[in-house]
Amino acid sequence: MKQSLHSLLRKCLFLLVITLSLHLTSFCQDDYQNTTDLGFTVGPMVVLSDLGGHIGRGTTFLKDYNMNRTKLAFGAYLTVYPAQWLGFRFSATYGSVAASDADITSHGGDEDTRKARNLDFRSKIIEGSAMVEVYPTVFLEDESDDVTGRLRPYGVIGLGAYHFNPQGSYRNQYGDVVWVDLKPLHTEGEGFAEYPGRKNYSLTQLNIPMGAGVKYFFSENLNISFEIIHRKLFTDYLDDVSGRYIDPTLFDKYLSPSQAVIAKYMSNKSAQGYNTPGYGKNDKRGDPTQNDAYFTAQFKIGFRIKGGTEQRWRNSTHCPLLRF
């Protein structure tokens, strides 16, 4: 009886050790999935605004995209992955955008009204964002922890904050073209009592980044991605153009004499534009029914700074090897 009891105790102890071992192994695998990537981004930043465009009426997306004004944007990011299918990204991006009605080629249609407007702008953009990445194909993979050579599509959405400062080209008294800040000029009467519906806009605002991409793993510690991220904005003044032309005499009322001279010029360049006598008070200047937007098409290079199966099994102090 005593021997049988000892045998039973040994079996129970053996089962307990196996169960504990399996539990710790599971814990280690889960812990491995908590990885962190650090990376850098580069790619074009494209503005979608009231200015520039192509034949016909202006639209809200790529049809009116002028490639010659596009410049590269650069950024860095940190992404934490609590699971293979989920990531939380924190990123910073620096770029610039620009558009000009002078880029429009006349075909005798509606595009002539925008070309005659003759406005332009440029702006630096500094952006910070927090986003969620979702990798849906992970649930279809065998051995998802083995990422080397794997290609994964993903979607991304989040919340961002960005700073911009629209500038327009101004020909001064010496005939030189300089760039001046547009917001202090109130080119559409923002903040003027005569236009109560036109509020001063903030140069720092929130946006909603959303998009999709695909990631390729060269190894467990190195990956490259390509993604397109569109930013939904809550302003139509990224380019300082939105509504209608105002009474130019109001600039003398609200601005200093030197500012009023520049504001009159910058608010209405149509008299110096393409084949036109110029626009006047209350004529259409922009389209307030559609907010501006911008997007990036960027390549990402990521380096894993935490995680890795082999390293964790060799060096982990959280998951000791059980010996019998």
Protein backbone atom coordinates (compact mmCIF):
# COMPACT_ATOMS: atom_id res chain seq x y z
CA MET A 1 0.00 0.00 0.00
CA LYS A 2 2.82 2.36 0.94
CA GLN A 3 4.64 1.62 -2.32
CA SER A 4 1.45 2.22 -4.28
CA LEU A 5 0.96 5.48 -2.46
CA HIS A 6 4.50 6.57 -3.27
CA SER A 7 3.97 5.58 -6.88
CA LEU A 8 0.76 7.58 -6.98
CA LEU A 9 2.48 10.60 -5.44
CA ARG A 10 5.30 10.38 -7.99
CA LYS A 11 2.75 10.22 -10.83
CA CYS A 12 0.86 13.18 -9.44
CA LEU A 13 4.10 15.14 -9.03
CA PHE A 14 5.09 14.22 -12.57
CA LEU A 15 1.74 15.43 -13.93
CA LEU A 16 2.03 18.60 -11.87
CA VAL A 17 5.49 19.32 -13.27
CA ILE A 18 4.31 18.65 -16.85
CA THR A 19 1.31 20.93 -16.38
CA LEU A 20 3.46 23.67 -14.89
CA SER A 21 5.99 23.27 -17.68
CA LEU A 22 3.31 23.58 -20.34
CA HIS A 23 1.90 26.65 -18.60
CA LEU A 24 5.31 28.32 -18.46
CA THR A 25 5.96 27.44 -22.09
CA SER A 26 2.68 29.07 -23.04
CA PHE A 27 3.62 32.11 -20.96
CA CYS A 28 6.96 32.37 -22.73
CA GLN A 29 5.33 32.20 -26.15
CA ASP A 30 2.84 34.89 -25.18
CA ASP A 31 5.65 37.00 -23.80
CA TYR A 32 7.54 36.62 -27.05
CA GLN A 33 4.66 38.15 -28.91
CA ASN A 34 5.12 41.36 -26.94
CA THR A 35 7.68 42.81 -29.33
CA THR A 36 8.67 46.39 -30.14
CA ASP A 37 9.78 47.78 -33.49
CA LEU A 38 11.67 51.02 -34.07
CA GLY A 39 11.77 52.38 -37.61
CA PHE A 40 12.02 55.20 -40.10
CA THR A 41 9.80 56.32 -42.97
CA VAL A 42 10.30 58.15 -46.26
CA GLY A 43 7.94 58.88 -49.10
CA PRO A 44 5.96 61.59 -50.89
CA MET A 45 3.44 63.78 -49.06
CA VAL A 46 0.54 64.81 -51.31
CA VAL A 47 -1.97 67.61 -50.68
CA LEU A 48 -5.59 67.56 -51.86
CA SER A 49 -6.86 71.13 -51.68
CA ASP A 50 -8.75 73.81 -53.60
CA LEU A 51 -5.69 74.85 -55.61
CA GLY A 52 -4.24 73.37 -58.78
CA GLY A 53 -5.76 70.45 -60.64
CA HIS A 54 -6.53 69.29 -64.15
CA ILE A 55 -9.24 69.46 -66.80
CA GLY A 56 -12.87 70.07 -65.80
CA ARG A 57 -14.30 70.84 -62.39
CA GLY A 58 -12.20 70.42 -59.27
CA THR A 59 -12.63 67.18 -57.35
CA THR A 60 -11.70 65.90 -53.92
CA PHE A 61 -9.14 63.22 -54.74
CA LEU A 62 -6.35 62.13 -57.09
CA LYS A 63 -7.83 63.49 -60.32
CA ASP A 64 -6.57 66.99 -59.38
CA TYR A 65 -3.19 65.89 -58.07
CA ASN A 66 -0.22 67.89 -59.50
CA MET A 67 2.88 65.69 -59.19
CA ASN A 68 5.41 68.45 -59.87
CA ARG A 69 4.67 70.07 -56.49
CA THR A 70 5.19 66.88 -54.48
CA LYS A 71 8.08 66.57 -52.02
CA LEU A 72 9.37 63.84 -49.73
CA ALA A 73 8.33 63.50 -46.11
CA PHE A 74 10.41 61.84 -43.41
CA GLY A 75 9.48 60.26 -40.11
CA ALA A 76 10.19 57.85 -37.28
CA TYR A 77 7.97 55.47 -35.37
CA LEU A 78 7.78 53.07 -32.44
CA THR A 79 5.31 50.19 -32.61
CA VAL A 80 4.45 47.84 -29.75
CA TYR A 81 2.94 44.44 -30.66
CA PRO A 82 1.07 42.74 -27.79
CA ALA A 83 0.10 40.07 -30.34
CA GLN A 84 1.15 39.11 -33.85
CA TRP A 85 -2.07 40.52 -35.32
CA LEU A 86 -2.15 43.80 -33.36
CA GLY A 87 0.18 46.77 -33.06
CA PHE A 88 0.08 50.18 -31.37
CA ARG A 89 2.13 52.74 -33.29
CA PHE A 90 3.44 56.13 -32.17
CA SER A 91 4.95 58.17 -34.99
CA ALA A 92 6.28 61.60 -35.97
CA THR A 93 6.36 62.92 -39.55
CA TYR A 94 7.87 66.02 -41.12
CA GLY A 95 7.05 67.09 -44.65
CA SER A 96 5.83 69.90 -46.88
CA VAL A 97 2.97 70.40 -49.32
CA ALA A 98 2.30 72.91 -52.09
CA ALA A 99 -0.20 73.64 -54.87
CA SER A 100 -0.65 76.30 -57.52
CA ASP A 101 -3.32 77.26 -60.02
CA ALA A 102 -0.50 78.01 -62.47
CA ASP A 103 -0.04 74.24 -62.89
CA ILE A 104 -3.44 73.93 -64.59
CA THR A 105 -3.40 73.38 -68.34
CA SER A 106 -6.25 75.15 -70.08
CA HIS A 107 -8.61 73.05 -72.21
CA GLY A 108 -11.37 75.63 -72.46
CA GLY A 109 -13.49 74.10 -69.70
CA ASP A 110 -14.25 74.61 -66.06
CA GLU A 111 -10.57 74.41 -65.20
CA ASP A 112 -10.16 77.92 -66.66
CA THR A 113 -12.01 79.44 -63.69
CA ARG A 114 -9.42 77.96 -61.32
CA LYS A 115 -6.49 78.90 -63.53
CA ALA A 116 -7.79 82.47 -63.66
CA ARG A 117 -7.85 82.56 -59.85
CA ASN A 118 -4.03 82.41 -59.95
CA LEU A 119 -3.48 81.48 -56.30
CA ASP A 120 -0.74 79.32 -54.78
CA PHE A 121 0.43 78.12 -51.38
CA ARG A 122 3.05 76.08 -49.58
CA SER A 123 3.26 74.80 -46.01
CA LYS A 124 5.50 72.75 -43.78
CA ILE A 125 3.68 70.02 -41.86
CA ILE A 126 4.80 68.56 -38.53
CA GLU A 127 2.67 65.66 -37.36
CA GLY A 128 2.47 63.29 -34.42
CA SER A 129 0.04 60.38 -34.30
CA ALA A 130 -1.04 57.29 -32.39
CA MET A 131 -2.45 54.49 -34.52
CA VAL A 132 -3.62 50.90 -34.33
CA GLU A 133 -2.30 48.33 -36.82
CA VAL A 134 -4.33 45.19 -37.57
CA TYR A 135 -2.91 42.17 -39.45
CA PRO A 136 -5.96 40.01 -40.37
CA THR A 137 -4.05 37.29 -42.25
CA VAL A 138 -2.24 36.21 -39.07
CA PHE A 139 -5.30 34.13 -38.19
CA LEU A 140 -4.82 32.15 -41.41
CA GLU A 141 -1.12 31.44 -40.88
CA ASP A 142 0.55 28.28 -39.64
CA GLU A 143 3.33 28.97 -37.10
CA SER A 144 2.70 32.70 -37.07
CA ASP A 145 5.68 33.21 -34.75
CA ASP A 146 7.98 32.27 -37.63
CA VAL A 147 7.93 35.59 -39.49
CA THR A 148 11.08 35.37 -41.65
CA GLY A 149 10.15 35.58 -45.32
CA ARG A 150 6.54 36.31 -44.53
CA LEU A 151 4.38 38.95 -46.27
CA ARG A 152 1.54 40.50 -44.26
CA PRO A 153 -1.05 43.08 -45.37
CA TYR A 154 -2.47 45.34 -42.68
CA GLY A 155 -4.88 48.19 -42.02
CA VAL A 156 -4.21 51.20 -39.83
CA ILE A 157 -6.29 53.94 -38.20
CA GLY A 158 -5.72 56.39 -35.37
CA LEU A 159 -5.65 59.98 -34.16
CA GLY A 160 -3.06 62.62 -34.99
CA ALA A 161 -2.15 66.25 -34.33
CA TYR A 162 -0.40 68.39 -36.92
CA HIS A 163 0.94 71.92 -37.31
CA PHE A 164 0.87 73.84 -40.58
CA ASN A 165 1.44 77.41 -41.74
CA PRO A 166 0.21 78.32 -45.24
CA GLN A 167 2.29 80.81 -47.22
CA GLY A 168 1.68 82.44 -50.58
CA SER A 169 4.02 83.99 -53.12
CA TYR A 170 4.11 87.79 -53.11
CA ARG A 171 5.84 90.08 -55.58
CA ASN A 172 7.20 93.03 -53.61
CA GLN A 173 7.90 96.59 -54.70
CA TYR A 174 11.30 95.57 -56.04
CA GLY A 175 9.85 92.87 -58.26
CA ASP A 176 11.17 90.05 -56.11
CA VAL A 177 8.98 87.05 -55.26
CA VAL A 178 8.91 86.31 -51.53
CA TRP A 179 6.73 83.98 -49.45
CA VAL A 180 4.47 85.51 -46.80
CA ASP A 181 2.37 83.93 -44.05
CA LEU A 182 -1.29 83.96 -45.05
CA LYS A 183 -3.17 83.47 -41.77
CA PRO A 184 -2.30 86.95 -40.32
CA LEU A 185 -3.67 88.55 -43.52
CA HIS A 186 -7.23 87.19 -43.05
CA THR A 187 -7.52 86.80 -46.82
CA GLU A 188 -11.17 85.68 -46.66
CA GLY A 189 -12.17 87.91 -43.76
CA GLU A 190 -11.69 85.31 -41.01
CA GLY A 191 -12.44 87.03 -37.71
CA PHE A 192 -13.92 90.16 -39.33
CA ALA A 193 -17.26 91.29 -37.88
CA GLU A 194 -18.70 91.58 -41.40
CA TYR A 195 -18.24 87.82 -41.87
CA PRO A 196 -19.39 86.23 -38.58
CA GLY A 197 -19.44 82.76 -40.12
CA ARG A 198 -15.74 82.86 -40.98
CA LYS A 199 -13.81 82.12 -37.81
CA ASN A 200 -10.06 82.36 -37.36
CA TYR A 201 -8.55 78.93 -37.94
CA SER A 202 -5.93 77.29 -35.75
CA LEU A 203 -2.55 76.32 -37.18
CA THR A 204 -2.43 73.26 -34.90
CA GLN A 205 -5.29 70.81 -35.33
CA LEU A 206 -6.33 67.18 -35.03
CA ASN A 207 -6.63 64.75 -37.92
CA ILE A 208 -7.64 61.13 -38.46
CA PRO A 209 -4.98 59.05 -40.26
CA MET A 210 -6.26 55.89 -41.95
CA GLY A 211 -4.92 53.57 -44.58
CA ALA A 212 -3.41 50.24 -45.49
CA GLY A 213 -0.04 48.67 -46.18
CA VAL A 214 1.93 45.50 -46.62
CA LYS A 215 4.93 44.34 -44.57
CA TYR A 216 7.70 41.94 -45.53
CA PHE A 217 10.00 40.34 -42.94
CA PHE A 218 13.58 39.91 -44.14
CA SER A 219 14.31 38.33 -40.78
CA GLU A 220 12.92 38.27 -37.28
CA ASN A 221 14.66 41.57 -36.55
CA LEU A 222 14.34 43.45 -39.88
CA ASN A 223 11.26 44.29 -41.91
CA ILE A 224 10.18 46.69 -44.65
CA SER A 225 6.71 48.02 -45.37
CA PHE A 226 4.90 50.14 -47.92
CA GLU A 227 1.76 51.96 -46.88
CA ILE A 228 -0.60 54.73 -47.96
CA ILE A 229 -2.01 56.82 -45.11
CA HIS A 230 -4.77 59.33 -45.81
CA ARG A 231 -5.44 62.15 -43.33
CA LYS A 232 -8.98 63.34 -42.80
CA LEU A 233 -8.81 67.00 -41.77
CA PHE A 234 -11.31 69.22 -40.01
CA THR A 235 -10.38 72.43 -41.85
CA ASP A 236 -10.63 73.79 -45.37
CA TYR A 237 -7.86 76.31 -44.72
CA LEU A 238 -4.79 74.12 -45.15
CA ASP A 239 -4.20 76.19 -48.32
CA ASP A 240 -5.89 79.35 -46.89
CA VAL A 241 -8.61 79.05 -49.58
CA SER A 242 -12.20 78.10 -48.80
CA GLY A 243 -15.08 80.51 -49.52
CA ARG A 244 -15.62 83.74 -51.45
CA TYR A 245 -13.75 86.97 -52.12
CA ILE A 246 -14.38 89.73 -49.60
CA ASP A 247 -14.62 93.50 -49.85
CA PRO A 248 -10.93 94.52 -50.11
CA THR A 249 -11.55 97.85 -48.31
CA LEU A 250 -12.04 95.87 -45.07
CA PHE A 251 -8.31 95.13 -44.95
CA ASP A 252 -7.70 98.85 -44.32
CA LYS A 253 -10.13 98.66 -41.37
CA TYR A 254 -8.61 95.66 -39.60
CA LEU A 255 -4.93 95.59 -40.64
CA SER A 256 -2.00 97.97 -40.51
CA PRO A 257 -1.37 99.95 -43.71
CA SER A 258 1.59 97.76 -44.71
CA GLN A 259 -0.33 94.54 -44.01
CA ALA A 260 -3.40 95.81 -45.86
CA VAL A 261 -1.39 96.34 -49.03
CA ILE A 262 -0.09 92.76 -48.94
CA ALA A 263 -3.48 91.32 -47.95
CA LYS A 264 -5.25 92.95 -50.90
CA TYR A 265 -2.73 91.45 -53.26
CA MET A 266 -2.71 87.98 -51.68
CA SER A 267 -6.48 87.68 -51.34
CA ASN A 268 -7.11 88.31 -55.02
CA LYS A 269 -4.43 87.64 -57.64
CA SER A 270 -6.90 87.09 -60.46
CA ALA A 271 -6.24 90.47 -62.13
CA GLN A 272 -2.63 89.33 -62.65
CA GLY A 273 -3.74 85.87 -63.72
CA TYR A 274 -4.62 84.02 -66.87
CA ASN A 275 -6.79 85.80 -69.46
CA THR A 276 -9.22 87.41 -67.02
CA PRO A 277 -10.37 90.87 -65.94
CA GLY A 278 -10.25 89.59 -62.37
CA TYR A 279 -12.74 88.41 -59.76
CA GLY A 280 -14.58 90.67 -57.37
CA LYS A 281 -16.41 90.82 -54.04
CA ASN A 282 -18.54 87.72 -53.31
CA ASP A 283 -17.23 85.79 -56.33
CA LYS A 284 -16.34 82.18 -55.64
CA ARG A 285 -12.77 81.71 -54.38
CA GLY A 286 -12.87 78.10 -53.08
CA ASP A 287 -15.22 75.23 -52.24
CA PRO A 288 -16.21 75.27 -48.55
CA THR A 289 -18.24 72.07 -48.88
CA GLN A 290 -15.11 69.89 -48.96
CA ASN A 291 -12.31 70.05 -46.40
CA ASP A 292 -8.69 69.79 -47.47
CA ALA A 293 -6.68 66.61 -46.95
CA TYR A 294 -3.23 65.15 -47.44
CA PHE A 295 -1.75 61.69 -47.62
CA THR A 296 1.61 59.97 -47.63
CA ALA A 297 2.82 56.99 -49.65
CA GLN A 298 5.78 55.87 -47.59
CA PHE A 299 8.32 53.12 -47.23
CA LYS A 300 9.04 51.98 -43.69
CA ILE A 301 12.17 50.22 -42.45
CA GLY A 302 11.69 48.59 -39.06
CA PHE A 303 14.14 47.11 -36.58
CA ARG A 304 13.02 44.91 -33.70
CA ILE A 305 14.45 46.21 -30.45
CA LYS A 306 12.67 43.72 -28.19
CA GLY A 307 11.65 40.12 -28.77
CA GLY A 308 12.91 37.17 -30.77
CA THR A 309 12.31 33.48 -30.25
CA GLU A 310 15.88 32.21 -30.12
CA GLN A 311 17.15 35.01 -27.94
CA ARG A 312 14.32 34.63 -25.45
CA TRP A 313 14.77 30.84 -25.13
CA ARG A 314 18.50 31.24 -24.65
CA ASN A 315 18.59 34.31 -22.41
CA SER A 316 15.18 34.64 -20.80
CA THR A 317 15.17 34.99 -17.04
CA HIS A 318 11.36 34.95 -16.99
CA CYS A 319 10.97 31.34 -18.14
CA PRO A 320 13.42 28.99 -16.37
CA LEU A 321 14.05 25.56 -17.88
CA LEU A 322 12.54 22.83 -15.70
CA ARG A 323 14.66 19.74 -15.27
CA PHE A 324 13.54 16.32 -13.93
